[in-house]
Amino acid sequence: MKADRFDGSQDGWPDLVRLATGRMEEYAQLWEGAAAKFSDSSYRSEDLIDDWFKLWGKAIRDMTAGAAVLWTAGMRDAPGQGAMRDDRPGG
């Protein structure tokens, strides 16, 4: 999933919601794929390992991205902080 840059000229919430919705769809596809294999008894140990790494890979990236969003929001609200690189026009 590729993140778009927020240029400060518009509300970033629609983009954030779009990215989160896309990620939730990826989690749902992972879950549904595993459920389909379970239902027809074709789920193997290799599938478990693949699904486990896919799930945790997505989860770690999402936790890191969430922390970055919170950190950035906190820095913008901190008193005495100047504009960050992405907040400057053309930056």
Protein backbone atom coordinates (compact mmCIF):
# COMPACT_ATOMS: atom_id res chain seq x y z
CA MET A 1 0.00 0.00 0.00
CA LYS A 2 1.49 3.32 -1.03
CA ALA A 3 0.87 6.36 1.17
CA ASP A 4 0.07 9.70 -0.42
CA ARG A 5 1.75 12.88 0.76
CA PHE A 6 -0.39 15.35 2.63
CA ASP A 7 0.29 18.82 1.22
CA GLY A 8 -1.58 20.82 3.89
CA SER A 9 -3.96 22.42 1.40
CA GLN A 10 -6.85 20.08 2.18
CA ASP A 11 -8.21 18.02 5.00
CA GLY A 12 -6.13 14.85 5.35
CA TRP A 13 -8.86 12.77 7.01
CA PRO A 14 -10.45 11.47 3.78
CA ASP A 15 -7.06 10.20 2.64
CA LEU A 16 -6.37 8.62 6.02
CA VAL A 17 -9.79 6.96 5.99
CA ARG A 18 -9.18 5.70 2.45
CA LEU A 19 -5.83 4.18 3.43
CA ALA A 20 -7.27 2.59 6.59
CA THR A 21 -10.21 1.19 4.64
CA GLY A 22 -7.85 -0.32 2.09
CA ARG A 23 -5.78 -1.92 4.83
CA MET A 24 -8.89 -3.35 6.51
CA GLU A 25 -9.84 -4.90 3.17
CA GLU A 26 -6.40 -6.53 3.02
CA TYR A 27 -6.89 -8.00 6.51
CA ALA A 28 -10.35 -9.24 5.48
CA GLN A 29 -8.94 -10.89 2.34
CA LEU A 30 -6.29 -12.63 4.41
CA TRP A 31 -8.93 -13.88 6.86
CA GLU A 32 -11.36 -14.96 4.13
CA GLY A 33 -8.62 -16.78 2.23
CA ALA A 34 -7.69 -18.76 5.34
CA ALA A 35 -11.36 -19.46 6.11
CA ALA A 36 -11.95 -20.75 2.58
CA LYS A 37 -8.98 -23.13 2.85
CA PHE A 38 -10.19 -24.32 6.25
CA SER A 39 -13.68 -24.99 4.92
CA ASP A 40 -12.45 -27.25 2.12
CA SER A 41 -9.72 -28.83 4.30
CA SER A 42 -6.87 -27.61 2.11
CA TYR A 43 -5.15 -25.44 4.76
CA ARG A 44 -1.60 -26.71 5.32
CA SER A 45 1.20 -25.86 7.72
CA GLU A 46 2.86 -23.77 4.99
CA ASP A 47 -0.30 -21.70 4.71
CA LEU A 48 -0.27 -21.09 8.46
CA ILE A 49 3.29 -19.80 8.31
CA ASP A 50 2.57 -17.61 5.28
CA ASP A 51 -0.57 -16.18 6.84
CA TRP A 52 1.17 -15.62 10.17
CA PHE A 53 3.97 -13.60 8.57
CA LYS A 54 1.55 -11.65 6.37
CA LEU A 55 -0.61 -10.79 9.38
CA TRP A 56 2.26 -9.71 11.60
CA GLY A 57 3.99 -7.87 8.77
CA LYS A 58 0.86 -5.81 8.16
CA ALA A 59 0.27 -5.30 11.89
CA ILE A 60 3.82 -4.06 12.54
CA ARG A 61 3.65 -1.64 9.59
CA ASP A 62 0.26 -0.38 10.77
CA MET A 63 1.45 0.12 14.35
CA THR A 64 4.51 1.99 13.11
CA ALA A 65 2.39 4.17 10.82
CA GLY A 66 -0.07 4.85 13.66
CA ALA A 67 2.75 5.90 15.97
CA ALA A 68 4.13 8.20 13.27
CA VAL A 69 0.71 9.81 12.75
CA LEU A 70 0.29 10.38 16.49
CA TRP A 71 3.83 11.69 16.84
CA THR A 72 3.36 14.11 13.94
CA ALA A 73 0.03 15.31 15.32
CA GLY A 74 1.62 15.83 18.73
CA MET A 75 4.52 17.79 17.26
CA ARG A 76 2.17 20.08 15.38
CA ASP A 77 0.31 20.86 18.61
CA ALA A 78 3.45 21.38 20.71
CA PRO A 79 4.00 25.03 21.68
CA GLY A 80 6.99 26.72 20.10
CA GLN A 81 7.35 24.23 17.29
CA GLY A 82 7.90 25.64 13.84
CA ALA A 83 6.47 24.22 10.65
CA MET A 84 7.67 20.76 9.80
CA ARG A 85 9.16 20.01 6.39
CA ASP A 86 5.85 18.75 4.91
CA ASP A 87 3.94 21.72 6.34
CA ARG A 88 5.85 24.30 4.35
CA PRO A 89 4.43 25.42 1.02
CA GLY A 90 6.09 23.39 -1.70
CA GLY A 91 7.86 21.16 0.89
